[in-house]
Amino acid sequence: MKLPETIVFATNNAHKLQEVRDILKDRCRVLSLSEINCHDDIPETASTLEGNALLKARWVKEHYGYDCFADDTGLEVEALDGAPGVKSARYAACCGESTDHDSKANMRVLLRNLTGATDRSARFRTVIALISDGKEYTFEGKVNGEILETAAGSDGFGYDPVFRPEGEKLTFAEMAPEKKNAMSHRRRALDAMLASLED
């Protein structure tokens, strides 16, 4: 089975959308939620990344009829027992310190919670849920690394300025976009999806 000529990526996050379009290039036409006139507040109420990705993909398929894929990504920090995890985008809000999706506040809370920690190992994990030709699939990509004590770099988004991948000298936010895209957790999940479809 191949990807359809047109597929919806269940996001309006411009950074994610550009990253996915750069990775998929000419394989298929990728539409955002706004491009199909979906302005719904799609619920992300599951307790796992897999669950949230499936919720979003199923919503688009059920309400708009498009084959679709959706992702959910979490930063999992060893010293925090895997937190912020599924709450990564709302970490500061969950602590009562900010509104949803405030990246700077999320990083501030994360660094504060890691004060004094000797183990700063972490991983980014992305799960993609794909609904195509009436079937559901999930794929995972992850990148191991560590959390720095201070942010570095101005590119990227989310926790990128405080995450340095294993074996690298730069944070994701210090890397050129094409370098990050070549090794990112989202890239690895997309590669797993494409490999499965091509098989």
C-alpha atoms as a PDB file:
ATOM      1  CA  MET A   1       0.000   0.000   0.000  1.00  0.00           C
ATOM      2  CA  LYS A   2       1.173   3.524  -0.811  1.00  0.00           C
ATOM      3  CA  LEU A   3       0.321   6.859   0.703  1.00  0.00           C
ATOM      4  CA  PRO A   4      -2.636   8.521  -1.045  1.00  0.00           C
ATOM      5  CA  GLU A   5      -1.851  11.422  -3.350  1.00  0.00           C
ATOM      6  CA  THR A   6      -3.355  13.812  -0.783  1.00  0.00           C
ATOM      7  CA  ILE A   7      -3.370  13.245   2.961  1.00  0.00           C
ATOM      8  CA  VAL A   8      -4.176  15.430   5.955  1.00  0.00           C
ATOM      9  CA  PHE A   9      -1.662  15.973   8.725  1.00  0.00           C
ATOM     10  CA  ALA A  10      -3.793  16.735  11.770  1.00  0.00           C
ATOM     11  CA  THR A  11      -2.014  19.875  12.889  1.00  0.00           C
ATOM     12  CA  ASN A  12      -2.012  23.632  12.517  1.00  0.00           C
ATOM     13  CA  ASN A  13       1.453  23.907  14.029  1.00  0.00           C
ATOM     14  CA  ALA A  14       3.418  25.654  11.284  1.00  0.00           C
ATOM     15  CA  HIS A  15       6.752  24.271  12.507  1.00  0.00           C
ATOM     16  CA  LYS A  16       5.542  20.667  12.489  1.00  0.00           C
ATOM     17  CA  LEU A  17       3.817  21.089   9.136  1.00  0.00           C
ATOM     18  CA  GLN A  18       6.929  22.481   7.455  1.00  0.00           C
ATOM     19  CA  GLU A  19       9.108  19.775   8.971  1.00  0.00           C
ATOM     20  CA  VAL A  20       6.788  17.031   7.677  1.00  0.00           C
ATOM     21  CA  ARG A  21       6.482  18.613   4.229  1.00  0.00           C
ATOM     22  CA  ASP A  22      10.268  18.899   4.008  1.00  0.00           C
ATOM     23  CA  ILE A  23      10.634  15.224   4.914  1.00  0.00           C
ATOM     24  CA  LEU A  24       7.891  13.842   2.649  1.00  0.00           C
ATOM     25  CA  LYS A  25       8.709  16.223  -0.233  1.00  0.00           C
ATOM     26  CA  ASP A  26       7.193  14.825  -3.427  1.00  0.00           C
ATOM     27  CA  ARG A  27       5.755  11.621  -1.965  1.00  0.00           C
ATOM     28  CA  CYS A  28       2.307  13.126  -1.445  1.00  0.00           C
ATOM     29  CA  ARG A  29       0.451  16.397  -0.940  1.00  0.00           C
ATOM     30  CA  VAL A  30       0.142  17.177   2.772  1.00  0.00           C
ATOM     31  CA  LEU A  31      -2.730  19.374   3.936  1.00  0.00           C
ATOM     32  CA  SER A  32      -3.054  21.004   7.330  1.00  0.00           C
ATOM     33  CA  LEU A  33      -6.265  21.153   9.352  1.00  0.00           C
ATOM     34  CA  SER A  34      -6.927  24.752   8.326  1.00  0.00           C
ATOM     35  CA  GLU A  35      -6.578  23.803   4.668  1.00  0.00           C
ATOM     36  CA  ILE A  36      -9.555  21.446   4.999  1.00  0.00           C
ATOM     37  CA  ASN A  37     -11.456  24.088   7.017  1.00  0.00           C
ATOM     38  CA  CYS A  38     -11.117  22.122  10.222  1.00  0.00           C
ATOM     39  CA  HIS A  39     -11.003  24.611  13.074  1.00  0.00           C
ATOM     40  CA  ASP A  40     -12.225  22.181  15.723  1.00  0.00           C
ATOM     41  CA  ASP A  41     -10.628  21.931  19.125  1.00  0.00           C
ATOM     42  CA  ILE A  42      -9.786  18.256  18.708  1.00  0.00           C
ATOM     43  CA  PRO A  43      -9.680  16.580  22.114  1.00  0.00           C
ATOM     44  CA  GLU A  44      -6.340  15.244  23.314  1.00  0.00           C
ATOM     45  CA  THR A  45      -7.563  13.541  26.456  1.00  0.00           C
ATOM     46  CA  ALA A  46      -5.766  10.191  26.245  1.00  0.00           C
ATOM     47  CA  SER A  47      -3.165   9.193  28.825  1.00  0.00           C
ATOM     48  CA  THR A  48      -0.604   8.107  26.217  1.00  0.00           C
ATOM     49  CA  LEU A  49       1.022   9.561  23.119  1.00  0.00           C
ATOM     50  CA  GLU A  50      -0.433   6.708  21.080  1.00  0.00           C
ATOM     51  CA  GLY A  51      -3.917   7.443  22.369  1.00  0.00           C
ATOM     52  CA  ASN A  52      -3.759  11.150  21.552  1.00  0.00           C
ATOM     53  CA  ALA A  53      -2.420  10.541  18.045  1.00  0.00           C
ATOM     54  CA  LEU A  54      -5.266   8.108  17.358  1.00  0.00           C
ATOM     55  CA  LEU A  55      -7.870  10.513  18.762  1.00  0.00           C
ATOM     56  CA  LYS A  56      -6.766  13.236  16.356  1.00  0.00           C
ATOM     57  CA  ALA A  57      -6.548  11.002  13.288  1.00  0.00           C
ATOM     58  CA  ARG A  58      -9.930   9.413  13.977  1.00  0.00           C
ATOM     59  CA  TRP A  59     -11.527  12.842  14.463  1.00  0.00           C
ATOM     60  CA  VAL A  60     -10.418  14.031  11.030  1.00  0.00           C
ATOM     61  CA  LYS A  61     -11.482  10.815   9.332  1.00  0.00           C
ATOM     62  CA  GLU A  62     -14.885  10.704  11.048  1.00  0.00           C
ATOM     63  CA  HIS A  63     -15.760  14.397  10.647  1.00  0.00           C
ATOM     64  CA  TYR A  64     -14.061  15.301   7.346  1.00  0.00           C
ATOM     65  CA  GLY A  65     -13.606  12.013   5.523  1.00  0.00           C
ATOM     66  CA  TYR A  66      -9.917  12.397   4.675  1.00  0.00           C
ATOM     67  CA  ASP A  67      -7.241   9.784   5.096  1.00  0.00           C
ATOM     68  CA  CYS A  68      -5.102  11.301   7.783  1.00  0.00           C
ATOM     69  CA  PHE A  69      -2.126  10.999  10.035  1.00  0.00           C
ATOM     70  CA  ALA A  70      -1.570  12.673  13.371  1.00  0.00           C
ATOM     71  CA  ASP A  71       1.295  12.775  15.796  1.00  0.00           C
ATOM     72  CA  ASP A  72       1.834  13.308  19.456  1.00  0.00           C
ATOM     73  CA  THR A  73       5.266  13.966  20.862  1.00  0.00           C
ATOM     74  CA  GLY A  74       6.547  13.886  24.401  1.00  0.00           C
ATOM     75  CA  LEU A  75       9.800  14.699  26.133  1.00  0.00           C
ATOM     76  CA  GLU A  76      10.508  11.911  28.619  1.00  0.00           C
ATOM     77  CA  VAL A  77      13.059  12.770  31.311  1.00  0.00           C
ATOM     78  CA  GLU A  78      14.635   9.977  33.317  1.00  0.00           C
ATOM     79  CA  ALA A  79      15.038  11.907  36.570  1.00  0.00           C
ATOM     80  CA  LEU A  80      11.363  12.959  36.435  1.00  0.00           C
ATOM     81  CA  ASP A  81      10.066   9.390  35.952  1.00  0.00           C
ATOM     82  CA  GLY A  82       9.254  10.056  32.303  1.00  0.00           C
ATOM     83  CA  ALA A  83       7.632  13.478  32.791  1.00  0.00           C
ATOM     84  CA  PRO A  84       6.556  15.687  31.173  1.00  0.00           C
ATOM     85  CA  GLY A  85       5.679  12.930  28.668  1.00  0.00           C
ATOM     86  CA  VAL A  86       2.147  13.163  27.314  1.00  0.00           C
ATOM     87  CA  LYS A  87       1.768  16.519  29.098  1.00  0.00           C
ATOM     88  CA  SER A  88       4.811  18.065  27.383  1.00  0.00           C
ATOM     89  CA  ALA A  89       2.917  20.810  25.532  1.00  0.00           C
ATOM     90  CA  ARG A  90       0.988  21.743  28.677  1.00  0.00           C
ATOM     91  CA  TYR A  91       3.645  21.128  31.315  1.00  0.00           C
ATOM     92  CA  ALA A  92       3.661  24.622  32.816  1.00  0.00           C
ATOM     93  CA  ALA A  93      -0.133  24.844  32.597  1.00  0.00           C
ATOM     94  CA  CYS A  94      -0.444  21.557  34.481  1.00  0.00           C
ATOM     95  CA  CYS A  95       1.654  23.153  37.229  1.00  0.00           C
ATOM     96  CA  GLY A  96      -0.642  26.186  37.251  1.00  0.00           C
ATOM     97  CA  GLU A  97       2.050  28.513  35.923  1.00  0.00           C
ATOM     98  CA  SER A  98       0.943  29.341  32.399  1.00  0.00           C
ATOM     99  CA  THR A  99      -1.583  28.832  29.649  1.00  0.00           C
ATOM    100  CA  ASP A 100      -1.381  25.880  27.259  1.00  0.00           C
ATOM    101  CA  HIS A 101       1.473  25.596  24.759  1.00  0.00           C
ATOM    102  CA  ASP A 102       3.799  28.169  26.329  1.00  0.00           C
ATOM    103  CA  SER A 103       7.210  26.812  25.335  1.00  0.00           C
ATOM    104  CA  LYS A 104       9.271  29.213  27.419  1.00  0.00           C
ATOM    105  CA  ALA A 105       7.224  28.515  30.533  1.00  0.00           C
ATOM    106  CA  ASN A 106       7.442  24.770  29.891  1.00  0.00           C
ATOM    107  CA  MET A 107      11.242  24.939  29.691  1.00  0.00           C
ATOM    108  CA  ARG A 108      11.407  27.103  32.803  1.00  0.00           C
ATOM    109  CA  VAL A 109       9.384  24.580  34.814  1.00  0.00           C
ATOM    110  CA  LEU A 110      11.401  21.669  33.421  1.00  0.00           C
ATOM    111  CA  LEU A 111      14.757  23.216  34.327  1.00  0.00           C
ATOM    112  CA  ARG A 112      13.516  24.139  37.785  1.00  0.00           C
ATOM    113  CA  ASN A 113      12.295  20.598  38.395  1.00  0.00           C
ATOM    114  CA  LEU A 114      15.716  19.276  37.375  1.00  0.00           C
ATOM    115  CA  THR A 115      17.625  21.502  39.797  1.00  0.00           C
ATOM    116  CA  GLY A 116      20.302  19.383  41.446  1.00  0.00           C
ATOM    117  CA  ALA A 117      19.667  16.343  39.250  1.00  0.00           C
ATOM    118  CA  THR A 118      22.827  14.471  38.270  1.00  0.00           C
ATOM    119  CA  ASP A 119      21.078  12.317  35.685  1.00  0.00           C
ATOM    120  CA  ARG A 120      19.746  14.613  32.962  1.00  0.00           C
ATOM    121  CA  SER A 121      19.163  11.925  30.350  1.00  0.00           C
ATOM    122  CA  ALA A 122      15.989  12.252  28.319  1.00  0.00           C
ATOM    123  CA  ARG A 123      14.402  11.265  25.055  1.00  0.00           C
ATOM    124  CA  PHE A 124      12.011  12.785  22.587  1.00  0.00           C
ATOM    125  CA  ARG A 125       9.403  10.255  21.468  1.00  0.00           C
ATOM    126  CA  THR A 126       6.914  10.748  18.634  1.00  0.00           C
ATOM    127  CA  VAL A 127       4.026   8.457  17.829  1.00  0.00           C
ATOM    128  CA  ILE A 128       2.276   8.790  14.467  1.00  0.00           C
ATOM    129  CA  ALA A 129      -1.206   7.362  13.956  1.00  0.00           C
ATOM    130  CA  LEU A 130      -2.172   6.799  10.328  1.00  0.00           C
ATOM    131  CA  ILE A 131      -5.642   6.066   8.984  1.00  0.00           C
ATOM    132  CA  SER A 132      -5.478   5.035   5.343  1.00  0.00           C
ATOM    133  CA  ASP A 133      -7.697   2.831   3.210  1.00  0.00           C
ATOM    134  CA  GLY A 134      -9.884   2.069   6.219  1.00  0.00           C
ATOM    135  CA  LYS A 135      -7.055   0.739   8.395  1.00  0.00           C
ATOM    136  CA  GLU A 136      -5.263   2.169  11.434  1.00  0.00           C
ATOM    137  CA  TYR A 137      -1.525   2.022  12.074  1.00  0.00           C
ATOM    138  CA  THR A 138       0.863   3.493  14.643  1.00  0.00           C
ATOM    139  CA  PHE A 139       4.575   4.182  14.278  1.00  0.00           C
ATOM    140  CA  GLU A 140       7.190   5.403  16.750  1.00  0.00           C
ATOM    141  CA  GLY A 141      10.383   7.415  16.529  1.00  0.00           C
ATOM    142  CA  LYS A 142      12.672   8.449  19.352  1.00  0.00           C
ATOM    143  CA  VAL A 143      15.902  10.331  19.946  1.00  0.00           C
ATOM    144  CA  ASN A 144      17.938   9.921  23.121  1.00  0.00           C
ATOM    145  CA  GLY A 145      19.844  12.821  24.612  1.00  0.00           C
ATOM    146  CA  GLU A 146      20.153  15.055  27.637  1.00  0.00           C
ATOM    147  CA  ILE A 147      18.670  18.218  29.101  1.00  0.00           C
ATOM    148  CA  LEU A 148      21.092  21.129  29.397  1.00  0.00           C
ATOM    149  CA  GLU A 149      21.111  23.453  32.382  1.00  0.00           C
ATOM    150  CA  THR A 150      20.490  26.505  30.183  1.00  0.00           C
ATOM    151  CA  ALA A 151      18.822  26.984  26.813  1.00  0.00           C
ATOM    152  CA  ALA A 152      20.974  27.320  23.677  1.00  0.00           C
ATOM    153  CA  GLY A 153      19.899  28.206  20.156  1.00  0.00           C
ATOM    154  CA  SER A 154      17.012  30.050  18.557  1.00  0.00           C
ATOM    155  CA  ASP A 155      15.776  27.631  15.882  1.00  0.00           C
ATOM    156  CA  GLY A 156      13.436  24.735  16.427  1.00  0.00           C
ATOM    157  CA  PHE A 157      10.475  24.854  18.787  1.00  0.00           C
ATOM    158  CA  GLY A 158       9.192  23.382  22.034  1.00  0.00           C
ATOM    159  CA  TYR A 159      11.994  22.025  24.198  1.00  0.00           C
ATOM    160  CA  ASP A 160      14.573  22.091  21.381  1.00  0.00           C
ATOM    161  CA  PRO A 161      16.796  24.752  23.058  1.00  0.00           C
ATOM    162  CA  VAL A 162      17.420  22.564  26.117  1.00  0.00           C
ATOM    163  CA  PHE A 163      17.688  19.162  24.406  1.00  0.00           C
ATOM    164  CA  ARG A 164      21.030  17.949  23.080  1.00  0.00           C
ATOM    165  CA  PRO A 165      20.845  14.663  21.153  1.00  0.00           C
ATOM    166  CA  GLU A 166      23.188  11.854  22.081  1.00  0.00           C
ATOM    167  CA  GLY A 167      26.551  12.144  20.331  1.00  0.00           C
ATOM    168  CA  GLU A 168      25.955  15.748  19.239  1.00  0.00           C
ATOM    169  CA  LYS A 169      27.532  19.019  20.378  1.00  0.00           C
ATOM    170  CA  LEU A 170      24.537  21.193  19.490  1.00  0.00           C
ATOM    171  CA  THR A 171      20.987  21.339  20.769  1.00  0.00           C
ATOM    172  CA  PHE A 172      18.151  20.828  18.308  1.00  0.00           C
ATOM    173  CA  ALA A 173      17.624  24.607  18.428  1.00  0.00           C
ATOM    174  CA  GLU A 174      21.232  25.267  17.403  1.00  0.00           C
ATOM    175  CA  MET A 175      21.124  22.914  14.428  1.00  0.00           C
ATOM    176  CA  ALA A 176      20.256  23.895  10.885  1.00  0.00           C
ATOM    177  CA  PRO A 177      16.696  22.709  10.186  1.00  0.00           C
ATOM    178  CA  GLU A 178      17.853  20.186   7.586  1.00  0.00           C
ATOM    179  CA  LYS A 179      20.224  18.555  10.090  1.00  0.00           C
ATOM    180  CA  LYS A 180      17.561  18.326  12.761  1.00  0.00           C
ATOM    181  CA  ASN A 181      15.032  16.983  10.251  1.00  0.00           C
ATOM    182  CA  ALA A 182      17.464  14.268   9.197  1.00  0.00           C
ATOM    183  CA  MET A 183      17.654  12.822  12.708  1.00  0.00           C
ATOM    184  CA  SER A 184      14.560  13.987  14.580  1.00  0.00           C
ATOM    185  CA  HIS A 185      12.092  11.770  16.413  1.00  0.00           C
ATOM    186  CA  ARG A 186       9.395  12.896  13.968  1.00  0.00           C
ATOM    187  CA  ARG A 187      11.625  11.955  11.024  1.00  0.00           C
ATOM    188  CA  ARG A 188      12.202   8.503  12.502  1.00  0.00           C
ATOM    189  CA  ALA A 189       8.476   7.960  13.025  1.00  0.00           C
ATOM    190  CA  LEU A 190       7.769   9.110   9.461  1.00  0.00           C
ATOM    191  CA  ASP A 191      10.501   6.822   8.128  1.00  0.00           C
ATOM    192  CA  ALA A 192       8.918   3.900   9.987  1.00  0.00           C
ATOM    193  CA  MET A 193       5.540   4.781   8.476  1.00  0.00           C
ATOM    194  CA  LEU A 194       6.925   5.042   4.951  1.00  0.00           C
ATOM    195  CA  ALA A 195       8.911   1.812   5.259  1.00  0.00           C
ATOM    196  CA  SER A 196       5.802  -0.047   6.393  1.00  0.00           C
ATOM    197  CA  LEU A 197       3.696   1.337   3.567  1.00  0.00           C
ATOM    198  CA  GLU A 198       6.321   0.549   0.945  1.00  0.00           C
ATOM    199  CA  ASP A 199       6.572  -3.032   2.219  1.00  0.00           C
END
